[in-house]
Amino acid sequence: MHQLLEDSSVDPDHASRTLLRVLGIEPPDTELDLWSLTDLVAFSRDTQGGCSIVDSISAARENARGAREVTSTEIWECLNTTYNALPERERAAKRLGPHEFLSYIEGRAAQFAGLADSTLSRDDGYRFMVLGRAVERVDMIVRLLLSRVGDSASSPAWVTVLRSAGAHDTYLRTYRGVLDAGRVVEFMMLDRLFPRSVMYSLRLAEHSLDELHHRRLNRVGATAEAQRLLGRARSELEFLRPGVLLESLEETLGALQTTCADVGEALAVEYFYSAPWVAWTDAGRAGSLVIEEGEV
């Protein structure tokens, strides 16, 4: 968030609306500035399941509390401590500026990721976490790139894209400091070594899904819809002709965004589908039947 707002080439309202589009949030009709954007993205509370930072941390804590038997103590303490510190950090941000709060959240998120990698067994729970994180990374990188479609090749906005993805230093080392829109897109989409690139994340998601299916030696290939979707997206990127990525960038990014949504739906159907059930019982008044409905 603060990386996008450091882009001096656009006004605060335009940068704020760009960020909201990246996050999939409907922008308000009123003009936006740094403070109104911070309230909307960082501190807003929505009882129906909002997507602000505070809402996300609250939801993560509740999910972890409901899965304590498979969550390490270190991870729970990290989430709980972060959640309990939110009111104080919010007050500090209103005095000192949003960077104070955002830097704190960035550090806590990095700590959570490190604890998850170092304290969780490599079982199905861990594989689901890695799979979800990989698909989410694909979606967010696609959204970042979509926000810059149409910018000139030499626009400083491409530096903002790299910094927002934590890729600026790695890009400079890879391309010896040469900034070019084509190379930025190529790096963020196709690089096989950078862990936040689309290609790396797709391959990681595929691998995690293969592990979940426990069918490494399956002789007929992909048998699940999510496997097919991920494999097709990865192969289409992998065998692109050199230099043609920018020619149909918006179409390619739109297809990837659709794939991410379809993968989420396919995984929900395959692993988390709830079938409705109806049971008849005579627990009501004498001589009457009561219909009970629910999900399994």
C-alpha atoms as a PDB file:
ATOM      1  CA  MET A   1       0.000   0.000   0.000  1.00  0.00           C
ATOM      2  CA  HIS A   2       2.656   2.557   1.013  1.00  0.00           C
ATOM      3  CA  GLN A   3       4.763   1.558  -2.005  1.00  0.00           C
ATOM      4  CA  LEU A   4       1.962   2.443  -4.406  1.00  0.00           C
ATOM      5  CA  LEU A   5       1.420   5.790  -2.724  1.00  0.00           C
ATOM      6  CA  GLU A   6       5.109   6.657  -3.079  1.00  0.00           C
ATOM      7  CA  ASP A   7       4.675   6.813  -6.848  1.00  0.00           C
ATOM      8  CA  SER A   8       5.192  10.519  -7.511  1.00  0.00           C
ATOM      9  CA  SER A   9       3.993  10.286 -11.119  1.00  0.00           C
ATOM     10  CA  VAL A  10       0.287  10.314 -10.176  1.00  0.00           C
ATOM     11  CA  ASP A  11      -1.908  12.242  -7.768  1.00  0.00           C
ATOM     12  CA  PRO A  12      -3.016  10.673  -4.445  1.00  0.00           C
ATOM     13  CA  ASP A  13      -6.596  10.097  -5.593  1.00  0.00           C
ATOM     14  CA  HIS A  14      -5.495   8.239  -8.730  1.00  0.00           C
ATOM     15  CA  ALA A  15      -2.950   6.152  -6.793  1.00  0.00           C
ATOM     16  CA  SER A  16      -5.558   5.339  -4.144  1.00  0.00           C
ATOM     17  CA  ARG A  17      -8.073   4.172  -6.731  1.00  0.00           C
ATOM     18  CA  THR A  18      -5.378   2.091  -8.418  1.00  0.00           C
ATOM     19  CA  LEU A  19      -4.699   0.334  -5.128  1.00  0.00           C
ATOM     20  CA  LEU A  20      -8.395  -0.277  -4.512  1.00  0.00           C
ATOM     21  CA  ARG A  21      -8.702  -1.864  -7.956  1.00  0.00           C
ATOM     22  CA  VAL A  22      -5.745  -4.117  -7.152  1.00  0.00           C
ATOM     23  CA  LEU A  23      -7.462  -5.205  -3.941  1.00  0.00           C
ATOM     24  CA  GLY A  24     -10.830  -5.651  -5.621  1.00  0.00           C
ATOM     25  CA  ILE A  25     -12.496  -2.968  -3.464  1.00  0.00           C
ATOM     26  CA  GLU A  26     -15.155  -0.709  -4.930  1.00  0.00           C
ATOM     27  CA  PRO A  27     -13.823   2.870  -4.645  1.00  0.00           C
ATOM     28  CA  PRO A  28     -16.086   5.522  -3.076  1.00  0.00           C
ATOM     29  CA  ASP A  29     -17.460   8.493  -4.982  1.00  0.00           C
ATOM     30  CA  THR A  30     -15.595  10.987  -2.793  1.00  0.00           C
ATOM     31  CA  GLU A  31     -12.020  12.064  -3.449  1.00  0.00           C
ATOM     32  CA  LEU A  32      -9.416   9.896  -1.761  1.00  0.00           C
ATOM     33  CA  ASP A  33      -6.212  10.855  -0.001  1.00  0.00           C
ATOM     34  CA  LEU A  34      -3.672   8.996   2.114  1.00  0.00           C
ATOM     35  CA  TRP A  35      -5.731   9.095   5.302  1.00  0.00           C
ATOM     36  CA  SER A  36      -9.086   8.130   3.820  1.00  0.00           C
ATOM     37  CA  LEU A  37      -7.409   5.289   1.930  1.00  0.00           C
ATOM     38  CA  THR A  38      -5.719   4.069   5.106  1.00  0.00           C
ATOM     39  CA  ASP A  39      -9.019   4.021   6.981  1.00  0.00           C
ATOM     40  CA  LEU A  40     -10.625   2.046   4.159  1.00  0.00           C
ATOM     41  CA  VAL A  41      -7.857  -0.483   3.503  1.00  0.00           C
ATOM     42  CA  ALA A  42      -6.285  -0.874   6.931  1.00  0.00           C
ATOM     43  CA  PHE A  43      -8.816  -0.105   9.657  1.00  0.00           C
ATOM     44  CA  SER A  44     -12.356  -0.561   8.334  1.00  0.00           C
ATOM     45  CA  ARG A  45     -14.373  -3.237  10.086  1.00  0.00           C
ATOM     46  CA  ASP A  46     -17.065  -5.188   8.266  1.00  0.00           C
ATOM     47  CA  THR A  47     -19.049  -7.770  10.210  1.00  0.00           C
ATOM     48  CA  GLN A  48     -19.992  -9.452   6.917  1.00  0.00           C
ATOM     49  CA  GLY A  49     -16.381 -10.366   6.160  1.00  0.00           C
ATOM     50  CA  GLY A  50     -14.456  -7.330   4.991  1.00  0.00           C
ATOM     51  CA  CYS A  51     -11.076  -7.322   3.317  1.00  0.00           C
ATOM     52  CA  SER A  52      -9.220  -4.690   5.342  1.00  0.00           C
ATOM     53  CA  ILE A  53      -6.000  -5.557   7.150  1.00  0.00           C
ATOM     54  CA  VAL A  54      -7.741  -5.525  10.536  1.00  0.00           C
ATOM     55  CA  ASP A  55     -10.553  -7.754   9.244  1.00  0.00           C
ATOM     56  CA  SER A  56      -8.069 -10.192   7.708  1.00  0.00           C
ATOM     57  CA  ILE A  57      -6.063 -10.529  10.922  1.00  0.00           C
ATOM     58  CA  SER A  58      -9.250 -11.026  12.943  1.00  0.00           C
ATOM     59  CA  ALA A  59     -10.427 -13.740  10.543  1.00  0.00           C
ATOM     60  CA  ALA A  60      -7.016 -15.446  10.590  1.00  0.00           C
ATOM     61  CA  ARG A  61      -7.039 -15.491  14.389  1.00  0.00           C
ATOM     62  CA  GLU A  62     -10.525 -16.987  14.501  1.00  0.00           C
ATOM     63  CA  ASN A  63      -9.569 -19.647  11.962  1.00  0.00           C
ATOM     64  CA  ALA A  64      -6.437 -20.523  13.933  1.00  0.00           C
ATOM     65  CA  ARG A  65      -8.407 -20.723  17.168  1.00  0.00           C
ATOM     66  CA  GLY A  66     -10.776 -23.198  15.534  1.00  0.00           C
ATOM     67  CA  ALA A  67      -7.864 -25.333  14.338  1.00  0.00           C
ATOM     68  CA  ARG A  68      -5.617 -25.338  17.407  1.00  0.00           C
ATOM     69  CA  GLU A  69      -5.066 -29.087  17.125  1.00  0.00           C
ATOM     70  CA  VAL A  70      -3.155 -28.617  13.852  1.00  0.00           C
ATOM     71  CA  THR A  71      -1.677 -25.166  14.527  1.00  0.00           C
ATOM     72  CA  SER A  72       1.628 -24.781  16.339  1.00  0.00           C
ATOM     73  CA  THR A  73       1.773 -22.787  19.567  1.00  0.00           C
ATOM     74  CA  GLU A  74       4.231 -20.374  17.990  1.00  0.00           C
ATOM     75  CA  ILE A  75       1.858 -19.569  15.125  1.00  0.00           C
ATOM     76  CA  TRP A  76      -1.074 -19.069  17.496  1.00  0.00           C
ATOM     77  CA  GLU A  77       0.956 -16.752  19.731  1.00  0.00           C
ATOM     78  CA  CYS A  78       2.079 -14.748  16.697  1.00  0.00           C
ATOM     79  CA  LEU A  79      -1.495 -14.244  15.484  1.00  0.00           C
ATOM     80  CA  ASN A  80      -2.905 -13.583  18.945  1.00  0.00           C
ATOM     81  CA  THR A  81      -0.196 -11.063  19.839  1.00  0.00           C
ATOM     82  CA  THR A  82      -0.658  -9.279  16.526  1.00  0.00           C
ATOM     83  CA  TYR A  83      -4.426  -9.126  17.007  1.00  0.00           C
ATOM     84  CA  ASN A  84      -4.186  -7.798  20.571  1.00  0.00           C
ATOM     85  CA  ALA A  85      -1.726  -5.086  19.498  1.00  0.00           C
ATOM     86  CA  LEU A  86      -3.974  -3.738  16.729  1.00  0.00           C
ATOM     87  CA  PRO A  87      -5.814  -1.050  18.778  1.00  0.00           C
ATOM     88  CA  GLU A  88      -2.562   0.443  20.058  1.00  0.00           C
ATOM     89  CA  ARG A  89      -0.971   0.316  16.593  1.00  0.00           C
ATOM     90  CA  GLU A  90      -4.023   1.958  15.069  1.00  0.00           C
ATOM     91  CA  ARG A  91      -3.838   4.835  17.557  1.00  0.00           C
ATOM     92  CA  ALA A  92      -0.119   5.236  16.833  1.00  0.00           C
ATOM     93  CA  ALA A  93      -0.795   5.317  13.090  1.00  0.00           C
ATOM     94  CA  LYS A  94      -3.274   8.149  13.522  1.00  0.00           C
ATOM     95  CA  ARG A  95      -0.565  10.159  15.308  1.00  0.00           C
ATOM     96  CA  LEU A  96       2.533   9.195  13.321  1.00  0.00           C
ATOM     97  CA  GLY A  97       1.158   8.207   9.929  1.00  0.00           C
ATOM     98  CA  PRO A  98       0.162   4.940   8.220  1.00  0.00           C
ATOM     99  CA  HIS A  99       3.733   3.812   7.550  1.00  0.00           C
ATOM    100  CA  GLU A 100       4.098   2.959  11.242  1.00  0.00           C
ATOM    101  CA  PHE A 101       1.157   0.568  11.105  1.00  0.00           C
ATOM    102  CA  LEU A 102       1.995  -0.899   7.696  1.00  0.00           C
ATOM    103  CA  SER A 103       5.613  -1.595   8.650  1.00  0.00           C
ATOM    104  CA  TYR A 104       4.406  -3.395  11.769  1.00  0.00           C
ATOM    105  CA  ILE A 105       1.982  -5.550   9.765  1.00  0.00           C
ATOM    106  CA  GLU A 106       4.647  -6.323   7.171  1.00  0.00           C
ATOM    107  CA  GLY A 107       7.026  -7.523   9.877  1.00  0.00           C
ATOM    108  CA  ARG A 108       4.385  -9.633  11.618  1.00  0.00           C
ATOM    109  CA  ALA A 109       3.332 -11.224   8.323  1.00  0.00           C
ATOM    110  CA  ALA A 110       6.955 -12.150   7.631  1.00  0.00           C
ATOM    111  CA  GLN A 111       7.240 -13.610  11.131  1.00  0.00           C
ATOM    112  CA  PHE A 112       4.093 -15.678  10.616  1.00  0.00           C
ATOM    113  CA  ALA A 113       5.414 -17.033   7.306  1.00  0.00           C
ATOM    114  CA  GLY A 114       8.721 -17.971   8.907  1.00  0.00           C
ATOM    115  CA  LEU A 115       7.039 -19.695  11.843  1.00  0.00           C
ATOM    116  CA  ALA A 116       4.722 -21.608   9.528  1.00  0.00           C
ATOM    117  CA  ASP A 117       7.660 -22.882   7.476  1.00  0.00           C
ATOM    118  CA  SER A 118       9.700 -23.830  10.534  1.00  0.00           C
ATOM    119  CA  THR A 119       7.106 -25.270  12.951  1.00  0.00           C
ATOM    120  CA  LEU A 120       4.441 -27.036  10.854  1.00  0.00           C
ATOM    121  CA  SER A 121       4.682 -30.657   9.790  1.00  0.00           C
ATOM    122  CA  ARG A 122       4.645 -31.205   6.045  1.00  0.00           C
ATOM    123  CA  ASP A 123       1.213 -32.814   6.151  1.00  0.00           C
ATOM    124  CA  ASP A 124      -1.981 -32.018   4.262  1.00  0.00           C
ATOM    125  CA  GLY A 125      -2.680 -28.948   6.392  1.00  0.00           C
ATOM    126  CA  TYR A 126       0.660 -27.441   5.424  1.00  0.00           C
ATOM    127  CA  ARG A 127       0.109 -28.356   1.769  1.00  0.00           C
ATOM    128  CA  PHE A 128      -3.249 -26.581   1.749  1.00  0.00           C
ATOM    129  CA  MET A 129      -1.596 -23.490   3.220  1.00  0.00           C
ATOM    130  CA  VAL A 130       1.146 -23.492   0.572  1.00  0.00           C
ATOM    131  CA  LEU A 131      -1.388 -24.137  -2.197  1.00  0.00           C
ATOM    132  CA  GLY A 132      -3.613 -21.277  -1.098  1.00  0.00           C
ATOM    133  CA  ARG A 133      -0.680 -18.908  -0.718  1.00  0.00           C
ATOM    134  CA  ALA A 134       0.631 -19.764  -4.186  1.00  0.00           C
ATOM    135  CA  VAL A 135      -2.738 -19.194  -5.881  1.00  0.00           C
ATOM    136  CA  GLU A 136      -3.179 -15.933  -3.973  1.00  0.00           C
ATOM    137  CA  ARG A 137       0.253 -14.749  -5.104  1.00  0.00           C
ATOM    138  CA  VAL A 138      -0.636 -15.406  -8.722  1.00  0.00           C
ATOM    139  CA  ASP A 139      -3.837 -13.414  -8.307  1.00  0.00           C
ATOM    140  CA  MET A 140      -2.139 -10.448  -6.614  1.00  0.00           C
ATOM    141  CA  ILE A 141       0.723 -10.228  -9.131  1.00  0.00           C
ATOM    142  CA  VAL A 142      -1.828 -10.337 -11.945  1.00  0.00           C
ATOM    143  CA  ARG A 143      -3.798  -7.529 -10.292  1.00  0.00           C
ATOM    144  CA  LEU A 144      -0.640  -5.437  -9.884  1.00  0.00           C
ATOM    145  CA  LEU A 145       0.280  -5.842 -13.537  1.00  0.00           C
ATOM    146  CA  LEU A 146      -3.281  -5.159 -14.682  1.00  0.00           C
ATOM    147  CA  SER A 147      -3.181  -1.844 -12.831  1.00  0.00           C
ATOM    148  CA  ARG A 148      -0.289  -0.763 -15.090  1.00  0.00           C
ATOM    149  CA  VAL A 149      -1.541  -1.990 -18.451  1.00  0.00           C
ATOM    150  CA  GLY A 150      -1.335   0.937 -20.835  1.00  0.00           C
ATOM    151  CA  ASP A 151       1.523   2.705 -19.038  1.00  0.00           C
ATOM    152  CA  SER A 152       4.514   3.704 -21.142  1.00  0.00           C
ATOM    153  CA  ALA A 153       7.525   1.398 -21.218  1.00  0.00           C
ATOM    154  CA  SER A 154       9.672   3.938 -19.359  1.00  0.00           C
ATOM    155  CA  SER A 155       7.076   4.910 -16.739  1.00  0.00           C
ATOM    156  CA  PRO A 156       8.368   4.947 -13.128  1.00  0.00           C
ATOM    157  CA  ALA A 157       5.166   3.096 -12.238  1.00  0.00           C
ATOM    158  CA  TRP A 158       6.931  -0.145 -13.207  1.00  0.00           C
ATOM    159  CA  VAL A 159       9.386   0.429 -10.349  1.00  0.00           C
ATOM    160  CA  THR A 160       6.384   0.698  -8.041  1.00  0.00           C
ATOM    161  CA  VAL A 161       5.146  -2.679  -9.302  1.00  0.00           C
ATOM    162  CA  LEU A 162       8.497  -4.280  -8.485  1.00  0.00           C
ATOM    163  CA  ARG A 163       8.673  -2.719  -5.034  1.00  0.00           C
ATOM    164  CA  SER A 164       5.081  -3.644  -4.241  1.00  0.00           C
ATOM    165  CA  ALA A 165       5.919  -7.284  -4.981  1.00  0.00           C
ATOM    166  CA  GLY A 166       9.207  -7.195  -3.054  1.00  0.00           C
ATOM    167  CA  ALA A 167      10.998  -7.847  -6.339  1.00  0.00           C
ATOM    168  CA  HIS A 168      12.951  -4.644  -6.948  1.00  0.00           C
ATOM    169  CA  ASP A 169      16.365  -5.750  -5.674  1.00  0.00           C
ATOM    170  CA  THR A 170      16.141  -9.187  -7.285  1.00  0.00           C
ATOM    171  CA  TYR A 171      15.122  -7.637 -10.611  1.00  0.00           C
ATOM    172  CA  LEU A 172      18.076  -5.223 -10.541  1.00  0.00           C
ATOM    173  CA  ARG A 173      20.486  -8.077  -9.861  1.00  0.00           C
ATOM    174  CA  THR A 174      18.949 -10.175 -12.634  1.00  0.00           C
ATOM    175  CA  TYR A 175      18.908  -7.495 -15.342  1.00  0.00           C
ATOM    176  CA  ARG A 176      21.922  -5.450 -14.176  1.00  0.00           C
ATOM    177  CA  GLY A 177      19.819  -2.395 -13.343  1.00  0.00           C
ATOM    178  CA  VAL A 178      18.140  -1.985 -16.743  1.00  0.00           C
ATOM    179  CA  LEU A 179      14.512  -0.877 -16.256  1.00  0.00           C
ATOM    180  CA  ASP A 180      12.157  -1.786 -19.083  1.00  0.00           C
ATOM    181  CA  ALA A 181       8.445  -2.594 -19.045  1.00  0.00           C
ATOM    182  CA  GLY A 182       8.942  -5.731 -21.130  1.00  0.00           C
ATOM    183  CA  ARG A 183      11.581  -7.063 -18.773  1.00  0.00           C
ATOM    184  CA  VAL A 184       9.532  -6.202 -15.692  1.00  0.00           C
ATOM    185  CA  VAL A 185       6.540  -8.112 -17.067  1.00  0.00           C
ATOM    186  CA  GLU A 186       8.774 -10.991 -18.152  1.00  0.00           C
ATOM    187  CA  PHE A 187      10.380 -11.177 -14.711  1.00  0.00           C
ATOM    188  CA  MET A 188       7.115 -11.029 -12.763  1.00  0.00           C
ATOM    189  CA  MET A 189       5.379 -13.509 -15.067  1.00  0.00           C
ATOM    190  CA  LEU A 190       7.995 -16.021 -16.209  1.00  0.00           C
ATOM    191  CA  ASP A 191      10.952 -16.067 -13.816  1.00  0.00           C
ATOM    192  CA  ARG A 192      11.423 -19.596 -12.455  1.00  0.00           C
ATOM    193  CA  LEU A 193      13.563 -18.657  -9.447  1.00  0.00           C
ATOM    194  CA  PHE A 194      11.786 -15.681  -7.867  1.00  0.00           C
ATOM    195  CA  PRO A 195       9.199 -17.044  -5.381  1.00  0.00           C
ATOM    196  CA  ARG A 196       6.569 -14.395  -6.107  1.00  0.00           C
ATOM    197  CA  SER A 197       6.552 -14.683  -9.880  1.00  0.00           C
ATOM    198  CA  VAL A 198       3.489 -16.122 -11.581  1.00  0.00           C
ATOM    199  CA  MET A 199       5.416 -19.053 -13.065  1.00  0.00           C
ATOM    200  CA  TYR A 200       7.045 -20.029  -9.769  1.00  0.00           C
ATOM    201  CA  SER A 201       3.727 -19.796  -7.918  1.00  0.00           C
ATOM    202  CA  LEU A 202       1.866 -21.863 -10.506  1.00  0.00           C
ATOM    203  CA  ARG A 203       4.476 -24.608 -10.351  1.00  0.00           C
ATOM    204  CA  LEU A 204       4.394 -24.554  -6.547  1.00  0.00           C
ATOM    205  CA  ALA A 205       0.598 -24.787  -6.552  1.00  0.00           C
ATOM    206  CA  GLU A 206       0.755 -27.729  -8.954  1.00  0.00           C
ATOM    207  CA  HIS A 207       3.304 -29.511  -6.780  1.00  0.00           C
ATOM    208  CA  SER A 208       1.260 -28.952  -3.607  1.00  0.00           C
ATOM    209  CA  LEU A 209      -1.866 -30.279  -5.300  1.00  0.00           C
ATOM    210  CA  ASP A 210       0.007 -33.365  -6.504  1.00  0.00           C
ATOM    211  CA  GLU A 211       1.145 -33.968  -2.930  1.00  0.00           C
ATOM    212  CA  LEU A 212      -2.415 -33.617  -1.662  1.00  0.00           C
ATOM    213  CA  HIS A 213      -3.636 -36.199  -4.151  1.00  0.00           C
ATOM    214  CA  HIS A 214      -0.855 -38.614  -3.147  1.00  0.00           C
ATOM    215  CA  ARG A 215      -0.757 -39.855  -6.731  1.00  0.00           C
ATOM    216  CA  ARG A 216       2.712 -39.049  -7.996  1.00  0.00           C
ATOM    217  CA  LEU A 217       2.758 -42.157 -10.170  1.00  0.00           C
ATOM    218  CA  ASN A 218      -0.693 -41.658 -11.643  1.00  0.00           C
ATOM    219  CA  ARG A 219      -0.486 -42.962 -15.228  1.00  0.00           C
ATOM    220  CA  VAL A 220      -3.351 -40.918 -16.666  1.00  0.00           C
ATOM    221  CA  GLY A 221      -2.152 -37.433 -15.700  1.00  0.00           C
ATOM    222  CA  ALA A 222      -4.365 -34.788 -14.109  1.00  0.00           C
ATOM    223  CA  THR A 223      -7.581 -36.265 -12.758  1.00  0.00           C
ATOM    224  CA  ALA A 224      -8.897 -33.229 -10.854  1.00  0.00           C
ATOM    225  CA  GLU A 225     -10.267 -29.981 -12.272  1.00  0.00           C
ATOM    226  CA  ALA A 226      -7.911 -27.792 -10.232  1.00  0.00           C
ATOM    227  CA  GLN A 227      -4.923 -29.779 -11.522  1.00  0.00           C
ATOM    228  CA  ARG A 228      -6.068 -29.314 -15.094  1.00  0.00           C
ATOM    229  CA  LEU A 229      -6.578 -25.577 -14.669  1.00  0.00           C
ATOM    230  CA  LEU A 230      -3.202 -24.995 -13.038  1.00  0.00           C
ATOM    231  CA  GLY A 231      -1.375 -27.178 -15.548  1.00  0.00           C
ATOM    232  CA  ARG A 232      -2.959 -25.435 -18.516  1.00  0.00           C
ATOM    233  CA  ALA A 233      -2.140 -21.961 -17.172  1.00  0.00           C
ATOM    234  CA  ARG A 234       1.450 -22.944 -16.440  1.00  0.00           C
ATOM    235  CA  SER A 235       2.006 -24.594 -19.829  1.00  0.00           C
ATOM    236  CA  GLU A 236       0.530 -21.637 -21.740  1.00  0.00           C
ATOM    237  CA  LEU A 237       3.013 -19.320 -20.037  1.00  0.00           C
ATOM    238  CA  GLU A 238       5.899 -21.754 -20.273  1.00  0.00           C
ATOM    239  CA  PHE A 239       5.702 -22.132 -24.045  1.00  0.00           C
ATOM    240  CA  LEU A 240       5.053 -18.524 -25.006  1.00  0.00           C
ATOM    241  CA  ARG A 241       7.209 -17.294 -27.847  1.00  0.00           C
ATOM    242  CA  PRO A 242       9.899 -14.870 -26.639  1.00  0.00           C
ATOM    243  CA  GLY A 243       8.933 -11.219 -26.837  1.00  0.00           C
ATOM    244  CA  VAL A 244       5.182 -11.663 -27.380  1.00  0.00           C
ATOM    245  CA  LEU A 245       4.063 -11.326 -23.771  1.00  0.00           C
ATOM    246  CA  LEU A 246       3.401  -7.584 -23.998  1.00  0.00           C
ATOM    247  CA  GLU A 247       1.394  -7.933 -27.214  1.00  0.00           C
ATOM    248  CA  SER A 248      -1.535  -9.627 -25.470  1.00  0.00           C
ATOM    249  CA  LEU A 249      -0.730  -8.764 -21.862  1.00  0.00           C
ATOM    250  CA  GLU A 250      -4.202  -7.676 -20.786  1.00  0.00           C
ATOM    251  CA  GLU A 251      -5.802 -10.785 -22.294  1.00  0.00           C
ATOM    252  CA  THR A 252      -3.213 -13.062 -20.667  1.00  0.00           C
ATOM    253  CA  LEU A 253      -3.644 -11.427 -17.265  1.00  0.00           C
ATOM    254  CA  GLY A 254      -7.427 -11.612 -17.509  1.00  0.00           C
ATOM    255  CA  ALA A 255      -7.241 -15.332 -18.299  1.00  0.00           C
ATOM    256  CA  LEU A 256      -4.959 -15.918 -15.311  1.00  0.00           C
ATOM    257  CA  GLN A 257      -7.314 -14.030 -13.023  1.00  0.00           C
ATOM    258  CA  THR A 258     -10.199 -16.192 -14.205  1.00  0.00           C
ATOM    259  CA  THR A 259      -8.074 -19.299 -13.659  1.00  0.00           C
ATOM    260  CA  CYS A 260      -7.374 -18.309 -10.049  1.00  0.00           C
ATOM    261  CA  ALA A 261     -11.094 -17.940  -9.365  1.00  0.00           C
ATOM    262  CA  ASP A 262     -11.876 -21.245 -11.097  1.00  0.00           C
ATOM    263  CA  VAL A 263      -9.149 -23.048  -9.147  1.00  0.00           C
ATOM    264  CA  GLY A 264     -10.603 -21.771  -5.882  1.00  0.00           C
ATOM    265  CA  GLU A 265     -14.060 -23.019  -6.828  1.00  0.00           C
ATOM    266  CA  ALA A 266     -12.702 -26.389  -7.980  1.00  0.00           C
ATOM    267  CA  LEU A 267     -10.809 -26.877  -4.711  1.00  0.00           C
ATOM    268  CA  ALA A 268     -13.876 -25.920  -2.694  1.00  0.00           C
ATOM    269  CA  VAL A 269     -15.993 -28.494  -4.534  1.00  0.00           C
ATOM    270  CA  GLU A 270     -13.370 -31.232  -4.300  1.00  0.00           C
ATOM    271  CA  TYR A 271     -12.273 -30.804  -0.685  1.00  0.00           C
ATOM    272  CA  PHE A 272     -14.789 -28.633   1.165  1.00  0.00           C
ATOM    273  CA  TYR A 273     -18.127 -29.406  -0.475  1.00  0.00           C
ATOM    274  CA  SER A 274     -21.058 -29.702   1.949  1.00  0.00           C
ATOM    275  CA  ALA A 275     -23.897 -31.970   0.810  1.00  0.00           C
ATOM    276  CA  PRO A 276     -27.386 -31.052   2.090  1.00  0.00           C
ATOM    277  CA  TRP A 277     -29.227 -33.608   4.152  1.00  0.00           C
ATOM    278  CA  VAL A 278     -32.791 -34.004   5.409  1.00  0.00           C
ATOM    279  CA  ALA A 279     -33.744 -36.110   8.420  1.00  0.00           C
ATOM    280  CA  TRP A 280     -37.160 -37.005   9.775  1.00  0.00           C
ATOM    281  CA  THR A 281     -37.676 -37.128  13.509  1.00  0.00           C
ATOM    282  CA  ASP A 282     -40.589 -37.490  15.916  1.00  0.00           C
ATOM    283  CA  ALA A 283     -39.016 -35.111  18.419  1.00  0.00           C
ATOM    284  CA  GLY A 284     -41.875 -32.635  18.020  1.00  0.00           C
ATOM    285  CA  ARG A 285     -45.296 -32.763  19.524  1.00  0.00           C
ATOM    286  CA  ALA A 286     -47.038 -36.102  19.799  1.00  0.00           C
ATOM    287  CA  GLY A 287     -48.383 -37.356  16.505  1.00  0.00           C
ATOM    288  CA  SER A 288     -46.284 -34.966  14.367  1.00  0.00           C
ATOM    289  CA  LEU A 289     -43.058 -35.221  12.439  1.00  0.00           C
ATOM    290  CA  VAL A 290     -40.332 -32.578  12.372  1.00  0.00           C
ATOM    291  CA  ILE A 291     -38.052 -32.068   9.365  1.00  0.00           C
ATOM    292  CA  GLU A 292     -34.445 -31.238  10.201  1.00  0.00           C
ATOM    293  CA  GLU A 293     -32.141 -29.860   7.535  1.00  0.00           C
ATOM    294  CA  GLY A 294     -28.434 -29.224   7.511  1.00  0.00           C
ATOM    295  CA  GLU A 295     -25.144 -29.899   5.754  1.00  0.00           C
ATOM    296  CA  VAL A 296     -22.493 -32.587   6.000  1.00  0.00           C
END
